């Protein structure tokens, strides 16, 4: 009797603990038609806004909507069909139509007494985290754009100084800004000034030459000023021909040459 009471108390405590956790917990039965939810805790109700009687018996897809990524839904379906664990983050919809980012973890659990699998789903609302990440990315992009200004020198020539430490990711962001800016300026020449670079990786070298070809499509010629011996030797080892782009010792030299030829 004592053992039964202890087991009963433990089960009640476990149920209370699951209901009081801030994450959503669901159990689905894949042996039933459309793999319906057979259990949902209070956390799931709180996250989604649905009552328990509106949840039980339905497939979890009722949280999906127009902005839900279908590629990730396909990934989810594949994992369930193969009884595999899966972790994805989806944009889902609450009962009132508000969207939220759902960090979802699903694991298959085999219950020997039933001789069958169930799926345990853990849902966490990570909307605030996603918004913070998006705001940070936007801020970093703005800072990057401001830290690498395109300076118009004449009606047809601009200069872009690359300063400090540079990696491929930062240069890719800069390149997107440059392409948009040069398209609006309609300048024929862009001088990329490299003497201010302190440190750079091989992706930066590749990125500069990709930018060279991109600007060609926009009708703008890219030139380099202040190239270092280290930059030139790394480019040579990578099989990139520096001769493909006009190079000058300084911006002043580049301007002198351009003004003579214009």
C-alpha atoms as a PDB file:
ATOM      1  CA  UNK A   1       0.000   0.000   0.000  1.00  0.00           C
ATOM      2  CA  UNK A   2       2.809   2.377   0.922  1.00  0.00           C
ATOM      3  CA  UNK A   3       4.623   1.743  -2.381  1.00  0.00           C
ATOM      4  CA  UNK A   4       1.382   2.357  -4.306  1.00  0.00           C
ATOM      5  CA  UNK A   5       0.877   5.661  -2.474  1.00  0.00           C
ATOM      6  CA  UNK A   6       4.448   6.767  -3.174  1.00  0.00           C
ATOM      7  CA  UNK A   7       4.114   5.891  -6.871  1.00  0.00           C
ATOM      8  CA  UNK A   8       0.787   7.746  -7.043  1.00  0.00           C
ATOM      9  CA  UNK A   9       2.321  10.838  -5.395  1.00  0.00           C
ATOM     10  CA  UNK A  10       5.284  10.793  -7.774  1.00  0.00           C
ATOM     11  CA  UNK A  11       2.951  10.606 -10.792  1.00  0.00           C
ATOM     12  CA  UNK A  12       0.883  13.529  -9.464  1.00  0.00           C
ATOM     13  CA  UNK A  13       4.017  15.586  -8.825  1.00  0.00           C
ATOM     14  CA  UNK A  14       5.320  14.788 -12.301  1.00  0.00           C
ATOM     15  CA  UNK A  15       2.004  15.818 -13.890  1.00  0.00           C
ATOM     16  CA  UNK A  16       1.937  19.043 -11.858  1.00  0.00           C
ATOM     17  CA  UNK A  17       5.538  19.796 -12.810  1.00  0.00           C
ATOM     18  CA  UNK A  18       4.820  19.313 -16.528  1.00  0.00           C
ATOM     19  CA  UNK A  19       1.734  21.521 -16.286  1.00  0.00           C
ATOM     20  CA  UNK A  20       3.590  24.305 -14.519  1.00  0.00           C
ATOM     21  CA  UNK A  21       6.582  24.409 -16.861  1.00  0.00           C
ATOM     22  CA  UNK A  22       6.663  27.391 -19.224  1.00  0.00           C
ATOM     23  CA  UNK A  23       7.311  25.233 -22.279  1.00  0.00           C
ATOM     24  CA  UNK A  24       4.643  23.380 -24.207  1.00  0.00           C
ATOM     25  CA  UNK A  25       4.523  19.601 -23.942  1.00  0.00           C
ATOM     26  CA  UNK A  26       2.416  17.460 -26.280  1.00  0.00           C
ATOM     27  CA  UNK A  27       2.053  13.745 -26.969  1.00  0.00           C
ATOM     28  CA  UNK A  28       0.742  12.471 -30.290  1.00  0.00           C
ATOM     29  CA  UNK A  29      -0.334   8.995 -31.369  1.00  0.00           C
ATOM     30  CA  UNK A  30       0.887   8.100 -34.884  1.00  0.00           C
ATOM     31  CA  UNK A  31      -1.206   4.911 -34.913  1.00  0.00           C
ATOM     32  CA  UNK A  32      -4.383   6.973 -34.961  1.00  0.00           C
ATOM     33  CA  UNK A  33      -5.580   8.688 -38.123  1.00  0.00           C
ATOM     34  CA  UNK A  34      -3.597  11.928 -38.793  1.00  0.00           C
ATOM     35  CA  UNK A  35      -1.326  11.508 -35.742  1.00  0.00           C
ATOM     36  CA  UNK A  36      -3.539  13.533 -33.336  1.00  0.00           C
ATOM     37  CA  UNK A  37      -2.528  15.195 -30.068  1.00  0.00           C
ATOM     38  CA  UNK A  38      -3.626  13.011 -27.142  1.00  0.00           C
ATOM     39  CA  UNK A  39      -2.073  15.155 -24.396  1.00  0.00           C
ATOM     40  CA  UNK A  40      -1.195  18.844 -24.088  1.00  0.00           C
ATOM     41  CA  UNK A  41       0.021  20.600 -20.961  1.00  0.00           C
ATOM     42  CA  UNK A  42      -0.924  24.033 -19.627  1.00  0.00           C
ATOM     43  CA  UNK A  43       2.239  25.494 -21.141  1.00  0.00           C
ATOM     44  CA  UNK A  44       1.052  24.575 -24.640  1.00  0.00           C
ATOM     45  CA  UNK A  45      -2.308  26.202 -23.951  1.00  0.00           C
ATOM     46  CA  UNK A  46      -0.558  29.347 -22.696  1.00  0.00           C
ATOM     47  CA  UNK A  47       1.763  29.580 -25.717  1.00  0.00           C
ATOM     48  CA  UNK A  48      -0.925  28.997 -28.356  1.00  0.00           C
ATOM     49  CA  UNK A  49      -4.018  30.509 -26.711  1.00  0.00           C
ATOM     50  CA  UNK A  50      -6.093  27.387 -27.374  1.00  0.00           C
ATOM     51  CA  UNK A  51      -8.053  25.545 -24.682  1.00  0.00           C
ATOM     52  CA  UNK A  52      -7.319  21.878 -24.051  1.00  0.00           C
ATOM     53  CA  UNK A  53     -10.639  20.773 -25.604  1.00  0.00           C
ATOM     54  CA  UNK A  54      -9.658  22.707 -28.778  1.00  0.00           C
ATOM     55  CA  UNK A  55      -6.307  20.912 -28.954  1.00  0.00           C
ATOM     56  CA  UNK A  56      -6.911  17.246 -28.169  1.00  0.00           C
ATOM     57  CA  UNK A  57      -7.666  15.139 -31.226  1.00  0.00           C
ATOM     58  CA  UNK A  58      -6.122  17.572 -33.716  1.00  0.00           C
ATOM     59  CA  UNK A  59      -2.898  17.322 -35.695  1.00  0.00           C
ATOM     60  CA  UNK A  60      -0.294  19.951 -34.733  1.00  0.00           C
ATOM     61  CA  UNK A  61      -0.561  21.494 -38.202  1.00  0.00           C
ATOM     62  CA  UNK A  62      -3.445  23.673 -36.956  1.00  0.00           C
ATOM     63  CA  UNK A  63      -0.700  26.048 -35.723  1.00  0.00           C
ATOM     64  CA  UNK A  64       0.609  26.527 -39.274  1.00  0.00           C
ATOM     65  CA  UNK A  65      -0.244  29.433 -41.547  1.00  0.00           C
ATOM     66  CA  UNK A  66       0.733  31.417 -44.599  1.00  0.00           C
ATOM     67  CA  UNK A  67       4.165  32.405 -43.273  1.00  0.00           C
ATOM     68  CA  UNK A  68       5.116  28.928 -42.033  1.00  0.00           C
ATOM     69  CA  UNK A  69       8.191  27.633 -43.896  1.00  0.00           C
ATOM     70  CA  UNK A  70       7.042  24.674 -45.997  1.00  0.00           C
ATOM     71  CA  UNK A  71      10.575  23.339 -46.408  1.00  0.00           C
ATOM     72  CA  UNK A  72      10.813  22.952 -42.642  1.00  0.00           C
ATOM     73  CA  UNK A  73       7.379  21.350 -42.545  1.00  0.00           C
ATOM     74  CA  UNK A  74       8.642  18.791 -45.072  1.00  0.00           C
ATOM     75  CA  UNK A  75      11.649  18.165 -42.815  1.00  0.00           C
ATOM     76  CA  UNK A  76       9.285  17.630 -39.894  1.00  0.00           C
ATOM     77  CA  UNK A  77       7.069  15.219 -41.844  1.00  0.00           C
ATOM     78  CA  UNK A  78      10.099  13.213 -42.983  1.00  0.00           C
ATOM     79  CA  UNK A  79      11.342  12.805 -39.403  1.00  0.00           C
ATOM     80  CA  UNK A  80       7.918  11.699 -38.140  1.00  0.00           C
ATOM     81  CA  UNK A  81       7.453   9.239 -41.012  1.00  0.00           C
ATOM     82  CA  UNK A  82      10.824   7.681 -40.162  1.00  0.00           C
ATOM     83  CA  UNK A  83      10.329   7.868 -36.374  1.00  0.00           C
ATOM     84  CA  UNK A  84      13.368  10.159 -36.005  1.00  0.00           C
ATOM     85  CA  UNK A  85      14.070  12.974 -33.578  1.00  0.00           C
ATOM     86  CA  UNK A  86      13.919  16.466 -35.053  1.00  0.00           C
ATOM     87  CA  UNK A  87      14.534  20.033 -33.855  1.00  0.00           C
ATOM     88  CA  UNK A  88      13.367  23.014 -35.914  1.00  0.00           C
ATOM     89  CA  UNK A  89      12.159  26.570 -35.396  1.00  0.00           C
ATOM     90  CA  UNK A  90       8.914  27.478 -37.159  1.00  0.00           C
ATOM     91  CA  UNK A  91       6.773  30.554 -37.479  1.00  0.00           C
ATOM     92  CA  UNK A  92       3.407  29.419 -36.096  1.00  0.00           C
ATOM     93  CA  UNK A  93       0.072  31.086 -35.343  1.00  0.00           C
ATOM     94  CA  UNK A  94      -1.775  31.530 -32.056  1.00  0.00           C
ATOM     95  CA  UNK A  95      -5.545  31.256 -31.748  1.00  0.00           C
ATOM     96  CA  UNK A  96      -5.930  35.045 -32.143  1.00  0.00           C
ATOM     97  CA  UNK A  97      -3.906  34.991 -35.392  1.00  0.00           C
ATOM     98  CA  UNK A  98      -0.735  36.440 -33.884  1.00  0.00           C
ATOM     99  CA  UNK A  99       2.457  34.845 -35.185  1.00  0.00           C
ATOM    100  CA  UNK A 100       5.176  33.475 -32.924  1.00  0.00           C
ATOM    101  CA  UNK A 101       8.476  31.646 -33.399  1.00  0.00           C
ATOM    102  CA  UNK A 102       8.130  28.076 -32.139  1.00  0.00           C
ATOM    103  CA  UNK A 103      11.321  26.238 -31.187  1.00  0.00           C
ATOM    104  CA  UNK A 104      10.098  22.678 -31.604  1.00  0.00           C
ATOM    105  CA  UNK A 105      11.755  19.427 -30.497  1.00  0.00           C
ATOM    106  CA  UNK A 106      10.087  16.111 -31.305  1.00  0.00           C
ATOM    107  CA  UNK A 107      11.263  12.684 -30.164  1.00  0.00           C
ATOM    108  CA  UNK A 108       9.755   9.228 -30.771  1.00  0.00           C
ATOM    109  CA  UNK A 109       9.215   7.193 -27.591  1.00  0.00           C
ATOM    110  CA  UNK A 110       8.538   3.469 -27.613  1.00  0.00           C
ATOM    111  CA  UNK A 111       6.205   2.269 -24.857  1.00  0.00           C
ATOM    112  CA  UNK A 112       6.716  -1.453 -24.293  1.00  0.00           C
ATOM    113  CA  UNK A 113       3.417  -1.944 -22.433  1.00  0.00           C
ATOM    114  CA  UNK A 114       1.566  -0.642 -25.502  1.00  0.00           C
ATOM    115  CA  UNK A 115       4.024  -2.119 -28.027  1.00  0.00           C
ATOM    116  CA  UNK A 116       3.923   1.122 -29.991  1.00  0.00           C
ATOM    117  CA  UNK A 117       5.544   4.505 -30.545  1.00  0.00           C
ATOM    118  CA  UNK A 118       4.320   7.891 -29.427  1.00  0.00           C
ATOM    119  CA  UNK A 119       5.804  11.301 -30.214  1.00  0.00           C
ATOM    120  CA  UNK A 120       6.741  13.738 -27.454  1.00  0.00           C
ATOM    121  CA  UNK A 121       6.797  17.362 -28.589  1.00  0.00           C
ATOM    122  CA  UNK A 122       8.425  20.218 -26.679  1.00  0.00           C
ATOM    123  CA  UNK A 123       7.498  23.742 -27.824  1.00  0.00           C
ATOM    124  CA  UNK A 124       9.123  26.973 -26.695  1.00  0.00           C
ATOM    125  CA  UNK A 125       8.126  30.501 -27.732  1.00  0.00           C
ATOM    126  CA  UNK A 126      11.395  32.123 -28.836  1.00  0.00           C
ATOM    127  CA  UNK A 127       9.840  35.176 -30.519  1.00  0.00           C
ATOM    128  CA  UNK A 128      11.705  37.683 -28.333  1.00  0.00           C
ATOM    129  CA  UNK A 129      14.998  35.916 -29.036  1.00  0.00           C
ATOM    130  CA  UNK A 130      14.391  35.914 -32.809  1.00  0.00           C
ATOM    131  CA  UNK A 131      13.460  39.603 -32.801  1.00  0.00           C
ATOM    132  CA  UNK A 132      16.603  40.436 -30.810  1.00  0.00           C
ATOM    133  CA  UNK A 133      18.714  38.493 -33.331  1.00  0.00           C
ATOM    134  CA  UNK A 134      17.060  40.288 -36.252  1.00  0.00           C
ATOM    135  CA  UNK A 135      17.564  43.682 -34.583  1.00  0.00           C
ATOM    136  CA  UNK A 136      21.223  42.856 -33.922  1.00  0.00           C
ATOM    137  CA  UNK A 137      21.778  41.775 -37.527  1.00  0.00           C
ATOM    138  CA  UNK A 138      20.147  44.969 -38.776  1.00  0.00           C
ATOM    139  CA  UNK A 139      22.288  47.084 -36.453  1.00  0.00           C
ATOM    140  CA  UNK A 140      25.484  45.298 -37.499  1.00  0.00           C
ATOM    141  CA  UNK A 141      24.613  45.813 -41.158  1.00  0.00           C
ATOM    142  CA  UNK A 142      24.028  49.515 -40.552  1.00  0.00           C
ATOM    143  CA  UNK A 143      27.293  49.830 -38.620  1.00  0.00           C
ATOM    144  CA  UNK A 144      29.161  48.011 -41.383  1.00  0.00           C
ATOM    145  CA  UNK A 145      27.660  50.293 -44.016  1.00  0.00           C
ATOM    146  CA  UNK A 146      28.577  53.394 -42.014  1.00  0.00           C
ATOM    147  CA  UNK A 147      32.108  52.168 -41.302  1.00  0.00           C
ATOM    148  CA  UNK A 148      32.866  51.703 -45.010  1.00  0.00           C
ATOM    149  CA  UNK A 149      31.480  54.784 -46.767  1.00  0.00           C
ATOM    150  CA  UNK A 150      31.705  55.301 -50.478  1.00  0.00           C
ATOM    151  CA  UNK A 151      33.202  58.732 -51.007  1.00  0.00           C
ATOM    152  CA  UNK A 152      32.408  60.457 -54.349  1.00  0.00           C
ATOM    153  CA  UNK A 153      35.555  62.200 -55.608  1.00  0.00           C
ATOM    154  CA  UNK A 154      34.258  63.484 -58.939  1.00  0.00           C
ATOM    155  CA  UNK A 155      31.086  63.112 -60.989  1.00  0.00           C
ATOM    156  CA  UNK A 156      32.366  59.766 -62.272  1.00  0.00           C
ATOM    157  CA  UNK A 157      34.779  58.449 -59.633  1.00  0.00           C
ATOM    158  CA  UNK A 158      34.246  57.175 -56.076  1.00  0.00           C
ATOM    159  CA  UNK A 159      36.620  55.702 -53.509  1.00  0.00           C
ATOM    160  CA  UNK A 160      35.888  52.994 -50.930  1.00  0.00           C
ATOM    161  CA  UNK A 161      38.399  52.719 -48.057  1.00  0.00           C
ATOM    162  CA  UNK A 162      38.525  49.288 -46.405  1.00  0.00           C
ATOM    163  CA  UNK A 163      39.757  49.813 -42.852  1.00  0.00           C
ATOM    164  CA  UNK A 164      40.702  47.575 -39.908  1.00  0.00           C
ATOM    165  CA  UNK A 165      40.022  43.855 -39.627  1.00  0.00           C
ATOM    166  CA  UNK A 166      38.031  42.301 -42.429  1.00  0.00           C
ATOM    167  CA  UNK A 167      36.546  38.863 -43.017  1.00  0.00           C
ATOM    168  CA  UNK A 168      34.507  37.346 -45.823  1.00  0.00           C
ATOM    169  CA  UNK A 169      31.152  37.794 -44.078  1.00  0.00           C
ATOM    170  CA  UNK A 170      31.697  41.488 -43.409  1.00  0.00           C
ATOM    171  CA  UNK A 171      32.916  42.083 -46.956  1.00  0.00           C
ATOM    172  CA  UNK A 172      29.838  40.304 -48.357  1.00  0.00           C
ATOM    173  CA  UNK A 173      27.594  42.748 -46.474  1.00  0.00           C
ATOM    174  CA  UNK A 174      29.701  45.660 -47.660  1.00  0.00           C
ATOM    175  CA  UNK A 175      29.556  44.408 -51.251  1.00  0.00           C
ATOM    176  CA  UNK A 176      25.746  44.351 -51.211  1.00  0.00           C
ATOM    177  CA  UNK A 177      25.725  47.968 -50.029  1.00  0.00           C
ATOM    178  CA  UNK A 178      28.335  48.970 -52.594  1.00  0.00           C
ATOM    179  CA  UNK A 179      26.453  47.439 -55.520  1.00  0.00           C
ATOM    180  CA  UNK A 180      23.258  49.266 -54.557  1.00  0.00           C
ATOM    181  CA  UNK A 181      25.080  52.557 -53.994  1.00  0.00           C
ATOM    182  CA  UNK A 182      27.083  52.420 -57.228  1.00  0.00           C
ATOM    183  CA  UNK A 183      23.964  51.576 -59.214  1.00  0.00           C
ATOM    184  CA  UNK A 184      22.314  54.742 -57.877  1.00  0.00           C
ATOM    185  CA  UNK A 185      25.402  56.947 -58.354  1.00  0.00           C
ATOM    186  CA  UNK A 186      26.046  55.635 -61.881  1.00  0.00           C
ATOM    187  CA  UNK A 187      29.766  56.282 -61.425  1.00  0.00           C
ATOM    188  CA  UNK A 188      32.096  54.730 -63.966  1.00  0.00           C
ATOM    189  CA  UNK A 189      35.007  54.093 -61.603  1.00  0.00           C
ATOM    190  CA  UNK A 190      35.370  52.813 -58.022  1.00  0.00           C
ATOM    191  CA  UNK A 191      38.753  52.833 -56.293  1.00  0.00           C
ATOM    192  CA  UNK A 192      39.012  50.347 -53.410  1.00  0.00           C
ATOM    193  CA  UNK A 193      41.678  51.618 -51.006  1.00  0.00           C
ATOM    194  CA  UNK A 194      43.378  48.765 -49.114  1.00  0.00           C
ATOM    195  CA  UNK A 195      46.216  50.417 -47.222  1.00  0.00           C
ATOM    196  CA  UNK A 196      44.059  50.680 -44.074  1.00  0.00           C
ATOM    197  CA  UNK A 197      43.478  46.911 -43.845  1.00  0.00           C
ATOM    198  CA  UNK A 198      45.029  45.480 -40.694  1.00  0.00           C
ATOM    199  CA  UNK A 199      44.019  41.852 -41.022  1.00  0.00           C
ATOM    200  CA  UNK A 200      42.080  39.885 -43.656  1.00  0.00           C
ATOM    201  CA  UNK A 201      41.425  36.287 -44.693  1.00  0.00           C
ATOM    202  CA  UNK A 202      41.385  34.577 -48.072  1.00  0.00           C
ATOM    203  CA  UNK A 203      37.631  35.125 -48.380  1.00  0.00           C
ATOM    204  CA  UNK A 204      38.312  38.874 -48.489  1.00  0.00           C
ATOM    205  CA  UNK A 205      40.543  38.411 -51.531  1.00  0.00           C
ATOM    206  CA  UNK A 206      37.901  36.283 -53.225  1.00  0.00           C
ATOM    207  CA  UNK A 207      35.261  38.842 -52.240  1.00  0.00           C
ATOM    208  CA  UNK A 208      37.109  41.768 -53.818  1.00  0.00           C
ATOM    209  CA  UNK A 209      37.406  39.908 -57.101  1.00  0.00           C
ATOM    210  CA  UNK A 210      33.745  38.897 -56.983  1.00  0.00           C
ATOM    211  CA  UNK A 211      32.923  42.559 -56.430  1.00  0.00           C
ATOM    212  CA  UNK A 212      35.068  43.409 -59.451  1.00  0.00           C
ATOM    213  CA  UNK A 213      32.942  41.162 -61.684  1.00  0.00           C
ATOM    214  CA  UNK A 214      29.679  42.363 -60.117  1.00  0.00           C
ATOM    215  CA  UNK A 215      30.514  46.012 -60.769  1.00  0.00           C
ATOM    216  CA  UNK A 216      31.444  45.172 -64.353  1.00  0.00           C
ATOM    217  CA  UNK A 217      27.836  44.080 -64.862  1.00  0.00           C
ATOM    218  CA  UNK A 218      26.740  47.503 -63.566  1.00  0.00           C
ATOM    219  CA  UNK A 219      29.082  49.300 -65.953  1.00  0.00           C
ATOM    220  CA  UNK A 220      31.551  50.310 -63.237  1.00  0.00           C
ATOM    221  CA  UNK A 221      35.268  49.558 -63.273  1.00  0.00           C
ATOM    222  CA  UNK A 222      36.877  48.579 -59.973  1.00  0.00           C
ATOM    223  CA  UNK A 223      40.478  49.555 -59.250  1.00  0.00           C
ATOM    224  CA  UNK A 224      42.735  48.889 -56.264  1.00  0.00           C
ATOM    225  CA  UNK A 225      44.976  51.369 -54.463  1.00  0.00           C
ATOM    226  CA  UNK A 226      47.380  50.692 -51.610  1.00  0.00           C
ATOM    227  CA  UNK A 227      47.703  46.959 -52.212  1.00  0.00           C
ATOM    228  CA  UNK A 228      50.196  45.364 -49.822  1.00  0.00           C
ATOM    229  CA  UNK A 229      52.839  42.773 -50.626  1.00  0.00           C
ATOM    230  CA  UNK A 230      51.012  40.342 -48.309  1.00  0.00           C
ATOM    231  CA  UNK A 231      47.749  40.806 -50.210  1.00  0.00           C
ATOM    232  CA  UNK A 232      49.465  40.334 -53.573  1.00  0.00           C
ATOM    233  CA  UNK A 233      51.355  37.213 -52.469  1.00  0.00           C
ATOM    234  CA  UNK A 234      48.236  35.612 -50.967  1.00  0.00           C
ATOM    235  CA  UNK A 235      46.281  36.325 -54.148  1.00  0.00           C
ATOM    236  CA  UNK A 236      49.061  34.738 -56.213  1.00  0.00           C
ATOM    237  CA  UNK A 237      49.107  31.611 -54.039  1.00  0.00           C
ATOM    238  CA  UNK A 238      45.346  31.353 -54.497  1.00  0.00           C
ATOM    239  CA  UNK A 239      45.736  31.529 -58.268  1.00  0.00           C
ATOM    240  CA  UNK A 240      44.027  34.931 -58.525  1.00  0.00           C
ATOM    241  CA  UNK A 241      45.681  37.249 -61.003  1.00  0.00           C
ATOM    242  CA  UNK A 242      46.152  40.719 -59.565  1.00  0.00           C
ATOM    243  CA  UNK A 243      46.701  41.949 -63.142  1.00  0.00           C
ATOM    244  CA  UNK A 244      42.956  41.422 -63.754  1.00  0.00           C
ATOM    245  CA  UNK A 245      42.316  44.661 -61.845  1.00  0.00           C
ATOM    246  CA  UNK A 246      44.157  47.930 -62.318  1.00  0.00           C
ATOM    247  CA  UNK A 247      46.313  48.625 -59.279  1.00  0.00           C
ATOM    248  CA  UNK A 248      47.913  51.841 -58.016  1.00  0.00           C
ATOM    249  CA  UNK A 249      50.228  52.664 -55.147  1.00  0.00           C
ATOM    250  CA  UNK A 250      47.892  55.376 -53.818  1.00  0.00           C
ATOM    251  CA  UNK A 251      44.493  56.895 -54.505  1.00  0.00           C
ATOM    252  CA  UNK A 252      46.298  60.030 -55.659  1.00  0.00           C
ATOM    253  CA  UNK A 253      48.134  58.024 -58.320  1.00  0.00           C
ATOM    254  CA  UNK A 254      44.876  56.421 -59.440  1.00  0.00           C
ATOM    255  CA  UNK A 255      43.171  59.802 -59.720  1.00  0.00           C
ATOM    256  CA  UNK A 256      46.067  61.301 -61.626  1.00  0.00           C
ATOM    257  CA  UNK A 257      45.952  58.441 -64.126  1.00  0.00           C
ATOM    258  CA  UNK A 258      42.167  58.535 -64.474  1.00  0.00           C
ATOM    259  CA  UNK A 259      41.960  62.286 -64.946  1.00  0.00           C
ATOM    260  CA  UNK A 260      44.579  62.039 -67.669  1.00  0.00           C
ATOM    261  CA  UNK A 261      42.651  59.328 -69.507  1.00  0.00           C
ATOM    262  CA  UNK A 262      39.171  60.856 -69.120  1.00  0.00           C
END
